[in-house]
Amino acid sequence: MEIKQRPRRPSGLRRWAFRLPILLYRLRLGAFLGSRFVLINHIGRKTGQPRQTVVEVVSRADNAVTVAAGFGPGSDWYRNLLVHPSTTIQLGSHHLAVQAHRIDADARAEAMLDYAHRHPGAARKLTKFMGYTVDGSDADYAAVGRALHMLRFQPGADHS
């Protein structure tokens, strides 16, 4: 695995395009995105205001959902969840109260391997988009997983 160049955070028209899936959820059409994407409701760490983002699910197991900060640890949603980890997510039409947790390097490697095995074409494109060059081997995908910043959402937060 080699790191070429990390992508810049989207701005302008590109940012607007990345935010379109939020509109689908707001129109109650999130089910069309299936369980491959998740809407994350989070609280701004500085403003305290509610925020939303949609990201791709890296893995799901045992009622846990793992996601990666593809634009790195400076992503606002990632930083917000480190400060306010109790939140809600929406997978399709299912709403869940969860707690966000950082996961260790081995768990990140395992999650990325799981993703690469389930979605080999998407894994190649995604790693390239995130600035990594991989040879398609399990070792390379595991190395990418170890390098990424990921959060795991687990049931247990109370948002009544």
Foldseek 3Di string as FASTA:
>chain_A
DDFADFDADDDDPRVVVQAVLVVCVVVLNLLVVAQQKKKWWFAQPPPRHIDIGIFGFLDDDPQKTKGFPLNACVDRVNVRCVNVQFTWMDGNNDIATWGKDWDALQVLLVSQLVNCVVCVVVSCVSCVNRRDDDPSDSVRSSVVSSVITMIMIHGDHDDD
